[in-house]
Amino acid sequence: SDHPERVDRLSLVDSACYPFNMPFKGRLPQLPVIGSFIFKHVYRRPIFRDYFRNEVFGGAPAFNLDRVDAYYDDFTTVEGRDAAYAILKATLTDFSPIADKIAQIKARTLVVWGENDQIFPRSLAQRLASDVEKCQLELIAGCGHAPNEERPERLADLLMDHHLPADEG
């Protein structure tokens, strides 16, 4: 943060924070010229479902097909694909502005990560927890990249415990 004095406690959940070796499926949409076409025109419902089942949720049995289809319905509009592609390009191209600020974090920090995250490797969580001075790392067992979808109760408990003072929790 540019104003660390404004932050008392911080929670980061499976956050993009450091450069890492992106899997092939993640690099494909970033290819010049054809990447945009592939992302905006080739990704159809079966590919989308497969991506969520095997990459986002890491093959977890908690896979909810109705929720994934709802995401697809939002994604499949022209506006949805354009927005998703813009976010992908903006967040996965240069981590240096974020990485340079991590060591400056002084707030009590909770890092929550899916134990089986196949998108952002667990080593990123461990590095983040090591680089932040007052940090607690929580790995959610049996969870992939989306703790908010896969283990929402566990994530909520961790966030509440971290953000509520002990006498209010």
N, C-alpha and C. Protein backbone atom coordinates (compact mmCIF):
# COMPACT_ATOMS: atom_id res chain seq x y z
N SER A 1 0.83 -1.19 0.00
CA SER A 1 0.00 0.00 0.00
C SER A 1 0.87 1.24 0.00
N ASP A 2 0.41 2.27 -0.63
CA ASP A 2 1.12 3.54 -0.62
C ASP A 2 0.92 4.27 0.70
N HIS A 3 -0.03 3.82 1.51
CA HIS A 3 -0.33 4.45 2.79
C HIS A 3 -0.47 3.38 3.87
N PRO A 4 0.63 2.77 4.28
CA PRO A 4 0.54 1.67 5.25
C PRO A 4 -0.07 2.07 6.58
N GLU A 5 0.00 3.34 6.93
CA GLU A 5 -0.59 3.80 8.19
C GLU A 5 -2.12 3.66 8.20
N ARG A 6 -2.72 3.48 7.06
CA ARG A 6 -4.17 3.34 6.96
C ARG A 6 -4.64 1.88 7.09
N VAL A 7 -3.70 0.96 7.17
CA VAL A 7 -4.05 -0.46 7.20
C VAL A 7 -3.62 -1.06 8.52
N ASP A 8 -4.60 -1.59 9.26
CA ASP A 8 -4.31 -2.24 10.53
C ASP A 8 -4.12 -3.75 10.35
N ARG A 9 -5.01 -4.35 9.55
CA ARG A 9 -4.96 -5.79 9.28
C ARG A 9 -5.23 -6.02 7.81
N LEU A 10 -4.61 -7.06 7.29
CA LEU A 10 -4.69 -7.34 5.86
C LEU A 10 -4.91 -8.83 5.67
N SER A 11 -5.77 -9.20 4.73
CA SER A 11 -5.96 -10.60 4.37
C SER A 11 -5.74 -10.75 2.88
N LEU A 12 -4.98 -11.76 2.50
CA LEU A 12 -4.69 -12.06 1.11
C LEU A 12 -5.08 -13.51 0.86
N VAL A 13 -5.91 -13.73 -0.15
CA VAL A 13 -6.42 -15.07 -0.44
C VAL A 13 -5.98 -15.47 -1.84
N ASP A 14 -5.10 -16.47 -1.93
CA ASP A 14 -4.59 -16.97 -3.21
C ASP A 14 -4.26 -15.81 -4.16
N SER A 15 -3.44 -14.91 -3.67
CA SER A 15 -3.17 -13.65 -4.37
C SER A 15 -2.05 -13.75 -5.39
N ALA A 16 -2.24 -13.05 -6.49
CA ALA A 16 -1.16 -12.86 -7.46
C ALA A 16 -0.20 -11.86 -6.84
N CYS A 17 1.04 -12.25 -6.64
CA CYS A 17 1.96 -11.37 -5.93
C CYS A 17 3.38 -11.40 -6.45
N TYR A 18 3.82 -12.50 -6.98
CA TYR A 18 5.19 -12.65 -7.48
C TYR A 18 5.15 -13.28 -8.88
N PRO A 19 6.20 -13.03 -9.65
CA PRO A 19 6.30 -13.75 -10.93
C PRO A 19 6.41 -15.26 -10.68
N PHE A 20 5.85 -16.05 -11.57
CA PHE A 20 5.95 -17.51 -11.45
C PHE A 20 5.78 -18.11 -12.83
N ASN A 21 6.09 -19.38 -12.95
CA ASN A 21 5.95 -20.07 -14.22
C ASN A 21 4.49 -20.45 -14.43
N MET A 22 3.84 -19.69 -15.28
CA MET A 22 2.44 -19.92 -15.60
C MET A 22 2.29 -21.22 -16.39
N PRO A 23 1.32 -22.06 -16.04
CA PRO A 23 1.07 -23.27 -16.83
C PRO A 23 0.68 -22.90 -18.27
N PHE A 24 0.84 -23.85 -19.18
CA PHE A 24 0.58 -23.61 -20.60
C PHE A 24 -0.80 -23.01 -20.85
N LYS A 25 -1.82 -23.57 -20.19
CA LYS A 25 -3.18 -23.07 -20.40
C LYS A 25 -3.31 -21.61 -20.01
N GLY A 26 -2.53 -21.19 -19.03
CA GLY A 26 -2.55 -19.80 -18.61
C GLY A 26 -1.78 -18.89 -19.55
N ARG A 27 -0.74 -19.43 -20.17
CA ARG A 27 0.06 -18.62 -21.11
C ARG A 27 -0.60 -18.50 -22.47
N LEU A 28 -1.40 -19.47 -22.85
CA LEU A 28 -2.01 -19.49 -24.18
C LEU A 28 -2.78 -18.21 -24.52
N PRO A 29 -3.65 -17.71 -23.64
CA PRO A 29 -4.37 -16.47 -23.98
C PRO A 29 -3.47 -15.24 -24.05
N GLN A 30 -2.24 -15.35 -23.56
CA GLN A 30 -1.35 -14.20 -23.56
C GLN A 30 -0.47 -14.13 -24.81
N LEU A 31 -0.60 -15.11 -25.69
CA LEU A 31 0.18 -15.09 -26.92
C LEU A 31 -0.21 -13.90 -27.79
N PRO A 32 0.76 -13.26 -28.42
CA PRO A 32 0.41 -12.13 -29.30
C PRO A 32 -0.54 -12.57 -30.41
N VAL A 33 -1.44 -11.73 -30.77
CA VAL A 33 -2.42 -11.87 -31.85
C VAL A 33 -3.42 -13.00 -31.58
N ILE A 34 -2.98 -14.25 -31.53
CA ILE A 34 -3.92 -15.37 -31.41
C ILE A 34 -4.45 -15.56 -29.99
N GLY A 35 -3.73 -15.07 -28.98
CA GLY A 35 -4.17 -15.25 -27.60
C GLY A 35 -5.54 -14.65 -27.34
N SER A 36 -5.74 -13.43 -27.81
CA SER A 36 -7.03 -12.76 -27.63
C SER A 36 -8.13 -13.53 -28.35
N PHE A 37 -7.86 -13.98 -29.56
CA PHE A 37 -8.86 -14.73 -30.32
C PHE A 37 -9.23 -16.02 -29.60
N ILE A 38 -8.23 -16.76 -29.13
CA ILE A 38 -8.49 -18.02 -28.43
C ILE A 38 -9.34 -17.76 -27.19
N PHE A 39 -8.95 -16.76 -26.40
CA PHE A 39 -9.66 -16.47 -25.16
C PHE A 39 -11.11 -16.05 -25.43
N LYS A 40 -11.30 -15.21 -26.42
CA LYS A 40 -12.62 -14.63 -26.66
C LYS A 40 -13.55 -15.48 -27.53
N HIS A 41 -12.98 -16.44 -28.30
CA HIS A 41 -13.83 -17.17 -29.24
C HIS A 41 -13.77 -18.69 -29.11
N VAL A 42 -12.71 -19.22 -28.56
CA VAL A 42 -12.56 -20.68 -28.51
C VAL A 42 -13.03 -21.27 -27.19
N TYR A 43 -12.89 -20.52 -26.11
CA TYR A 43 -13.28 -21.05 -24.80
C TYR A 43 -14.80 -21.16 -24.72
N ARG A 44 -15.28 -22.36 -24.87
CA ARG A 44 -16.71 -22.65 -24.80
C ARG A 44 -17.02 -23.39 -23.50
N ARG A 45 -18.29 -23.66 -23.26
CA ARG A 45 -18.72 -24.24 -21.98
C ARG A 45 -17.94 -25.50 -21.57
N PRO A 46 -17.72 -26.49 -22.45
CA PRO A 46 -16.97 -27.68 -22.01
C PRO A 46 -15.54 -27.36 -21.57
N ILE A 47 -14.88 -26.47 -22.28
CA ILE A 47 -13.51 -26.08 -21.90
C ILE A 47 -13.54 -25.31 -20.59
N PHE A 48 -14.52 -24.44 -20.44
CA PHE A 48 -14.68 -23.65 -19.23
C PHE A 48 -14.91 -24.56 -18.03
N ARG A 49 -15.81 -25.53 -18.18
CA ARG A 49 -16.08 -26.48 -17.09
C ARG A 49 -14.83 -27.27 -16.74
N ASP A 50 -14.13 -27.73 -17.75
CA ASP A 50 -12.91 -28.50 -17.52
C ASP A 50 -11.87 -27.67 -16.79
N TYR A 51 -11.72 -26.41 -17.19
CA TYR A 51 -10.75 -25.52 -16.54
C TYR A 51 -11.10 -25.35 -15.06
N PHE A 52 -12.35 -25.09 -14.76
CA PHE A 52 -12.74 -24.92 -13.36
C PHE A 52 -12.59 -26.22 -12.58
N ARG A 53 -13.01 -27.33 -13.17
CA ARG A 53 -12.93 -28.61 -12.47
C ARG A 53 -11.48 -28.98 -12.15
N ASN A 54 -10.60 -28.87 -13.13
CA ASN A 54 -9.24 -29.38 -12.97
C ASN A 54 -8.19 -28.36 -12.56
N GLU A 55 -8.40 -27.09 -12.89
CA GLU A 55 -7.40 -26.08 -12.57
C GLU A 55 -7.81 -25.24 -11.36
N VAL A 56 -9.00 -24.67 -11.41
CA VAL A 56 -9.43 -23.78 -10.33
C VAL A 56 -9.74 -24.59 -9.06
N PHE A 57 -10.58 -25.61 -9.19
CA PHE A 57 -10.96 -26.39 -8.03
C PHE A 57 -10.03 -27.58 -7.79
N GLY A 58 -9.06 -27.78 -8.62
CA GLY A 58 -8.07 -28.82 -8.40
C GLY A 58 -8.65 -30.21 -8.30
N GLY A 59 -9.77 -30.48 -8.98
CA GLY A 59 -10.36 -31.81 -8.95
C GLY A 59 -11.10 -32.12 -7.67
N ALA A 60 -11.34 -31.09 -6.85
CA ALA A 60 -12.00 -31.31 -5.56
C ALA A 60 -13.43 -31.82 -5.76
N PRO A 61 -13.90 -32.68 -4.87
CA PRO A 61 -15.26 -33.20 -4.99
C PRO A 61 -16.33 -32.13 -4.78
N ALA A 62 -15.95 -30.96 -4.25
CA ALA A 62 -16.91 -29.89 -3.99
C ALA A 62 -17.26 -29.10 -5.25
N PHE A 63 -16.81 -29.57 -6.38
CA PHE A 63 -17.05 -28.91 -7.66
C PHE A 63 -18.55 -28.73 -7.88
N ASN A 64 -18.99 -27.48 -8.09
CA ASN A 64 -20.41 -27.18 -8.24
C ASN A 64 -20.67 -26.72 -9.68
N LEU A 65 -21.20 -27.61 -10.47
CA LEU A 65 -21.41 -27.36 -11.90
C LEU A 65 -22.36 -26.19 -12.14
N ASP A 66 -23.39 -26.04 -11.32
CA ASP A 66 -24.33 -24.93 -11.50
C ASP A 66 -23.63 -23.59 -11.32
N ARG A 67 -22.74 -23.49 -10.33
CA ARG A 67 -22.00 -22.24 -10.10
C ARG A 67 -21.08 -21.95 -11.29
N VAL A 68 -20.41 -22.97 -11.78
CA VAL A 68 -19.51 -22.78 -12.92
C VAL A 68 -20.31 -22.34 -14.14
N ASP A 69 -21.45 -22.94 -14.36
CA ASP A 69 -22.29 -22.53 -15.49
C ASP A 69 -22.76 -21.08 -15.34
N ALA A 70 -23.02 -20.65 -14.11
CA ALA A 70 -23.41 -19.25 -13.88
C ALA A 70 -22.24 -18.33 -14.23
N TYR A 71 -21.01 -18.73 -13.87
CA TYR A 71 -19.83 -17.94 -14.25
C TYR A 71 -19.70 -17.90 -15.77
N TYR A 72 -19.94 -19.04 -16.40
CA TYR A 72 -19.83 -19.08 -17.86
C TYR A 72 -20.85 -18.17 -18.51
N ASP A 73 -22.06 -18.17 -18.00
CA ASP A 73 -23.10 -17.32 -18.58
C ASP A 73 -22.70 -15.84 -18.51
N ASP A 74 -22.05 -15.43 -17.43
CA ASP A 74 -21.55 -14.05 -17.32
C ASP A 74 -20.37 -13.82 -18.25
N PHE A 75 -19.51 -14.81 -18.37
CA PHE A 75 -18.30 -14.71 -19.18
C PHE A 75 -18.59 -14.70 -20.67
N THR A 76 -19.62 -15.39 -21.09
CA THR A 76 -19.82 -15.65 -22.51
C THR A 76 -20.37 -14.46 -23.31
N THR A 77 -20.80 -13.40 -22.65
CA THR A 77 -21.20 -12.21 -23.39
C THR A 77 -19.95 -11.53 -23.97
N VAL A 78 -20.11 -10.75 -25.01
CA VAL A 78 -18.98 -10.03 -25.59
C VAL A 78 -18.32 -9.15 -24.53
N GLU A 79 -19.14 -8.44 -23.77
CA GLU A 79 -18.62 -7.56 -22.73
C GLU A 79 -17.89 -8.35 -21.65
N GLY A 80 -18.46 -9.49 -21.28
CA GLY A 80 -17.84 -10.33 -20.26
C GLY A 80 -16.49 -10.85 -20.69
N ARG A 81 -16.38 -11.33 -21.91
CA ARG A 81 -15.09 -11.83 -22.40
C ARG A 81 -14.08 -10.71 -22.53
N ASP A 82 -14.51 -9.55 -23.03
CA ASP A 82 -13.59 -8.41 -23.14
C ASP A 82 -13.07 -8.01 -21.76
N ALA A 83 -13.95 -7.93 -20.79
CA ALA A 83 -13.55 -7.55 -19.43
C ALA A 83 -12.63 -8.60 -18.82
N ALA A 84 -12.97 -9.87 -18.97
CA ALA A 84 -12.13 -10.94 -18.41
C ALA A 84 -10.75 -10.95 -19.05
N TYR A 85 -10.69 -10.71 -20.35
CA TYR A 85 -9.41 -10.69 -21.03
C TYR A 85 -8.57 -9.50 -20.58
N ALA A 86 -9.19 -8.35 -20.41
CA ALA A 86 -8.47 -7.16 -19.96
C ALA A 86 -7.90 -7.38 -18.56
N ILE A 87 -8.69 -8.01 -17.69
CA ILE A 87 -8.21 -8.30 -16.33
C ILE A 87 -7.07 -9.30 -16.37
N LEU A 88 -7.19 -10.34 -17.18
CA LEU A 88 -6.12 -11.33 -17.32
C LEU A 88 -4.83 -10.65 -17.75
N LYS A 89 -4.89 -9.83 -18.76
CA LYS A 89 -3.69 -9.14 -19.26
C LYS A 89 -3.10 -8.20 -18.21
N ALA A 90 -3.96 -7.48 -17.51
CA ALA A 90 -3.50 -6.51 -16.53
C ALA A 90 -2.88 -7.16 -15.29
N THR A 91 -3.42 -8.30 -14.88
CA THR A 91 -2.95 -8.90 -13.63
C THR A 91 -1.82 -9.90 -13.81
N LEU A 92 -1.66 -10.44 -14.99
CA LEU A 92 -0.65 -11.48 -15.15
C LEU A 92 0.56 -11.06 -15.98
N THR A 93 0.70 -9.79 -16.26
CA THR A 93 1.81 -9.39 -17.10
C THR A 93 3.00 -8.90 -16.31
N ASP A 94 2.78 -8.12 -15.24
CA ASP A 94 3.91 -7.56 -14.51
C ASP A 94 3.61 -7.50 -13.02
N PHE A 95 4.25 -8.38 -12.27
CA PHE A 95 4.03 -8.41 -10.83
C PHE A 95 4.98 -7.49 -10.07
N SER A 96 5.97 -6.89 -10.74
CA SER A 96 6.98 -6.13 -10.03
C SER A 96 6.43 -4.99 -9.18
N PRO A 97 5.39 -4.23 -9.62
CA PRO A 97 4.88 -3.17 -8.73
C PRO A 97 4.36 -3.72 -7.41
N ILE A 98 3.77 -4.92 -7.45
CA ILE A 98 3.25 -5.54 -6.23
C ILE A 98 4.40 -6.13 -5.42
N ALA A 99 5.23 -6.92 -6.07
CA ALA A 99 6.32 -7.61 -5.38
C ALA A 99 7.25 -6.63 -4.67
N ASP A 100 7.48 -5.47 -5.26
CA ASP A 100 8.37 -4.48 -4.67
C ASP A 100 7.82 -3.92 -3.36
N LYS A 101 6.52 -3.97 -3.16
CA LYS A 101 5.90 -3.39 -1.96
C LYS A 101 5.65 -4.39 -0.84
N ILE A 102 5.79 -5.66 -1.11
CA ILE A 102 5.44 -6.68 -0.13
C ILE A 102 6.24 -6.55 1.16
N ALA A 103 7.52 -6.33 1.06
CA ALA A 103 8.36 -6.22 2.26
C ALA A 103 8.01 -4.99 3.10
N GLN A 104 7.29 -4.03 2.53
CA GLN A 104 6.91 -2.82 3.25
C GLN A 104 5.63 -2.99 4.07
N ILE A 105 4.96 -4.13 3.93
CA ILE A 105 3.72 -4.36 4.67
C ILE A 105 4.04 -4.50 6.15
N LYS A 106 3.39 -3.67 6.96
CA LYS A 106 3.60 -3.69 8.41
C LYS A 106 2.36 -4.16 9.17
N ALA A 107 1.23 -4.22 8.51
CA ALA A 107 -0.02 -4.63 9.14
C ALA A 107 0.01 -6.12 9.47
N ARG A 108 -0.75 -6.50 10.50
CA ARG A 108 -0.94 -7.92 10.76
C ARG A 108 -1.60 -8.52 9.53
N THR A 109 -1.00 -9.56 8.99
CA THR A 109 -1.44 -10.10 7.70
C THR A 109 -1.78 -11.57 7.82
N LEU A 110 -2.88 -11.92 7.19
CA LEU A 110 -3.30 -13.31 7.07
C LEU A 110 -3.20 -13.68 5.60
N VAL A 111 -2.47 -14.75 5.31
CA VAL A 111 -2.38 -15.28 3.96
C VAL A 111 -3.12 -16.61 3.96
N VAL A 112 -4.16 -16.70 3.13
CA VAL A 112 -4.96 -17.93 3.03
C VAL A 112 -4.76 -18.47 1.62
N TRP A 113 -4.49 -19.77 1.54
CA TRP A 113 -4.19 -20.38 0.25
C TRP A 113 -4.82 -21.76 0.19
N GLY A 114 -5.30 -22.11 -0.95
CA GLY A 114 -5.76 -23.48 -1.15
C GLY A 114 -4.56 -24.40 -1.22
N GLU A 115 -4.58 -25.43 -0.40
CA GLU A 115 -3.47 -26.38 -0.34
C GLU A 115 -3.13 -26.96 -1.71
N ASN A 116 -4.16 -27.14 -2.55
CA ASN A 116 -3.96 -27.75 -3.87
C ASN A 116 -4.10 -26.75 -5.01
N ASP A 117 -3.81 -25.47 -4.74
CA ASP A 117 -3.94 -24.45 -5.79
C ASP A 117 -3.01 -24.79 -6.94
N GLN A 118 -3.59 -24.98 -8.12
CA GLN A 118 -2.81 -25.33 -9.30
C GLN A 118 -2.58 -24.13 -10.21
N ILE A 119 -3.16 -22.98 -9.84
CA ILE A 119 -2.97 -21.78 -10.64
C ILE A 119 -1.82 -20.96 -10.06
N PHE A 120 -1.90 -20.64 -8.77
CA PHE A 120 -0.80 -19.94 -8.09
C PHE A 120 -0.19 -20.94 -7.11
N PRO A 121 1.01 -21.41 -7.38
CA PRO A 121 1.63 -22.46 -6.56
C PRO A 121 1.73 -22.08 -5.08
N ARG A 122 1.66 -23.10 -4.24
CA ARG A 122 1.76 -22.91 -2.79
C ARG A 122 3.07 -22.24 -2.40
N SER A 123 4.12 -22.43 -3.19
CA SER A 123 5.40 -21.79 -2.88
C SER A 123 5.27 -20.26 -2.84
N LEU A 124 4.33 -19.70 -3.60
CA LEU A 124 4.09 -18.26 -3.56
C LEU A 124 3.53 -17.85 -2.20
N ALA A 125 2.64 -18.65 -1.65
CA ALA A 125 2.08 -18.37 -0.33
C ALA A 125 3.17 -18.42 0.73
N GLN A 126 4.03 -19.43 0.64
CA GLN A 126 5.10 -19.57 1.61
C GLN A 126 6.10 -18.40 1.51
N ARG A 127 6.39 -17.97 0.30
CA ARG A 127 7.28 -16.83 0.11
C ARG A 127 6.62 -15.56 0.66
N LEU A 128 5.36 -15.37 0.38
CA LEU A 128 4.63 -14.20 0.86
C LEU A 128 4.63 -14.16 2.38
N ALA A 129 4.34 -15.29 3.00
CA ALA A 129 4.33 -15.36 4.47
C ALA A 129 5.71 -15.08 5.04
N SER A 130 6.74 -15.46 4.34
CA SER A 130 8.11 -15.22 4.79
C SER A 130 8.51 -13.75 4.61
N ASP A 131 8.02 -13.11 3.56
CA ASP A 131 8.42 -11.74 3.25
C ASP A 131 7.65 -10.68 4.03
N VAL A 132 6.52 -11.04 4.61
CA VAL A 132 5.72 -10.09 5.39
C VAL A 132 6.04 -10.30 6.86
N GLU A 133 6.36 -9.21 7.52
CA GLU A 133 6.86 -9.26 8.90
C GLU A 133 5.90 -9.94 9.89
N LYS A 134 4.67 -9.52 9.96
CA LYS A 134 3.70 -10.06 10.92
C LYS A 134 2.65 -10.85 10.15
N CYS A 135 3.00 -12.07 9.77
CA CYS A 135 2.14 -12.82 8.87
C CYS A 135 1.81 -14.20 9.41
N GLN A 136 0.57 -14.59 9.21
CA GLN A 136 0.09 -15.93 9.54
C GLN A 136 -0.33 -16.58 8.23
N LEU A 137 0.15 -17.77 7.95
CA LEU A 137 -0.22 -18.51 6.75
C LEU A 137 -1.17 -19.63 7.12
N GLU A 138 -2.29 -19.70 6.40
CA GLU A 138 -3.26 -20.77 6.58
C GLU A 138 -3.48 -21.45 5.24
N LEU A 139 -3.16 -22.75 5.17
CA LEU A 139 -3.43 -23.54 3.98
C LEU A 139 -4.74 -24.30 4.22
N ILE A 140 -5.67 -24.17 3.30
CA ILE A 140 -6.95 -24.86 3.45
C ILE A 140 -6.86 -26.21 2.76
N ALA A 141 -6.96 -27.25 3.55
CA ALA A 141 -6.82 -28.62 3.06
C ALA A 141 -7.89 -28.96 2.03
N GLY A 142 -7.47 -29.68 1.01
CA GLY A 142 -8.40 -30.15 -0.01
C GLY A 142 -8.97 -29.06 -0.89
N CYS A 143 -8.36 -27.89 -0.89
CA CYS A 143 -8.90 -26.74 -1.60
C CYS A 143 -7.94 -26.33 -2.72
N GLY A 144 -8.52 -25.91 -3.85
CA GLY A 144 -7.73 -25.41 -4.96
C GLY A 144 -7.57 -23.90 -4.90
N HIS A 145 -7.82 -23.22 -6.01
CA HIS A 145 -7.58 -21.79 -6.13
C HIS A 145 -8.74 -20.92 -5.66
N ALA A 146 -9.86 -21.50 -5.32
CA ALA A 146 -11.04 -20.69 -4.99
C ALA A 146 -11.63 -21.06 -3.62
N PRO A 147 -10.94 -20.72 -2.53
CA PRO A 147 -11.49 -21.04 -1.20
C PRO A 147 -12.87 -20.45 -0.97
N ASN A 148 -13.16 -19.31 -1.57
CA ASN A 148 -14.47 -18.69 -1.41
C ASN A 148 -15.58 -19.56 -1.99
N GLU A 149 -15.28 -20.39 -2.96
CA GLU A 149 -16.26 -21.30 -3.55
C GLU A 149 -16.18 -22.70 -2.95
N GLU A 150 -14.96 -23.15 -2.70
CA GLU A 150 -14.76 -24.54 -2.29
C GLU A 150 -14.94 -24.76 -0.79
N ARG A 151 -14.48 -23.81 0.02
CA ARG A 151 -14.56 -23.93 1.48
C ARG A 151 -14.97 -22.58 2.09
N PRO A 152 -16.15 -22.07 1.70
CA PRO A 152 -16.54 -20.72 2.13
C PRO A 152 -16.64 -20.57 3.66
N GLU A 153 -17.12 -21.59 4.35
CA GLU A 153 -17.25 -21.48 5.81
C GLU A 153 -15.88 -21.38 6.47
N ARG A 154 -14.95 -22.20 6.01
CA ARG A 154 -13.59 -22.17 6.58
C ARG A 154 -12.93 -20.82 6.30
N LEU A 155 -13.06 -20.32 5.08
CA LEU A 155 -12.49 -19.02 4.74
C LEU A 155 -13.11 -17.93 5.60
N ALA A 156 -14.43 -17.93 5.75
CA ALA A 156 -15.10 -16.91 6.56
C ALA A 156 -14.63 -16.96 8.01
N ASP A 157 -14.47 -18.17 8.56
CA ASP A 157 -13.98 -18.30 9.94
C ASP A 157 -12.58 -17.70 10.08
N LEU A 158 -11.70 -18.01 9.14
CA LEU A 158 -10.34 -17.47 9.20
C LEU A 158 -10.34 -15.94 9.11
N LEU A 159 -11.13 -15.41 8.20
CA LEU A 159 -11.19 -13.95 8.04
C LEU A 159 -11.77 -13.28 9.28
N MET A 160 -12.84 -13.84 9.82
CA MET A 160 -13.44 -13.26 11.03
C MET A 160 -12.47 -13.32 12.20
N ASP A 161 -11.80 -14.45 12.40
CA ASP A 161 -10.85 -14.57 13.49
C ASP A 161 -9.71 -13.56 13.35
N HIS A 162 -9.30 -13.30 12.13
CA HIS A 162 -8.19 -12.37 11.90
C HIS A 162 -8.61 -10.92 12.06
N HIS A 163 -9.81 -10.58 11.64
CA HIS A 163 -10.20 -9.17 11.60
C HIS A 163 -10.99 -8.69 12.81
N LEU A 164 -11.58 -9.59 13.59
CA LEU A 164 -12.27 -9.17 14.79
C LEU A 164 -11.33 -9.21 15.99
N PRO A 165 -11.33 -8.16 16.78
CA PRO A 165 -10.52 -8.22 18.01
C PRO A 165 -10.99 -9.37 18.87
N ALA A 166 -10.09 -9.93 19.64
CA ALA A 166 -10.38 -11.12 20.45
C ALA A 166 -11.58 -10.92 21.36
N ASP A 167 -11.78 -9.73 21.93
CA ASP A 167 -12.90 -9.52 22.84
C ASP A 167 -14.24 -9.37 22.13
N GLU A 168 -14.22 -9.21 20.77
CA GLU A 168 -15.47 -9.12 20.02
C GLU A 168 -15.81 -10.43 19.30
N GLY A 169 -14.81 -11.32 19.10
CA GLY A 169 -15.02 -12.52 18.32
C GLY A 169 -15.63 -13.58 19.10
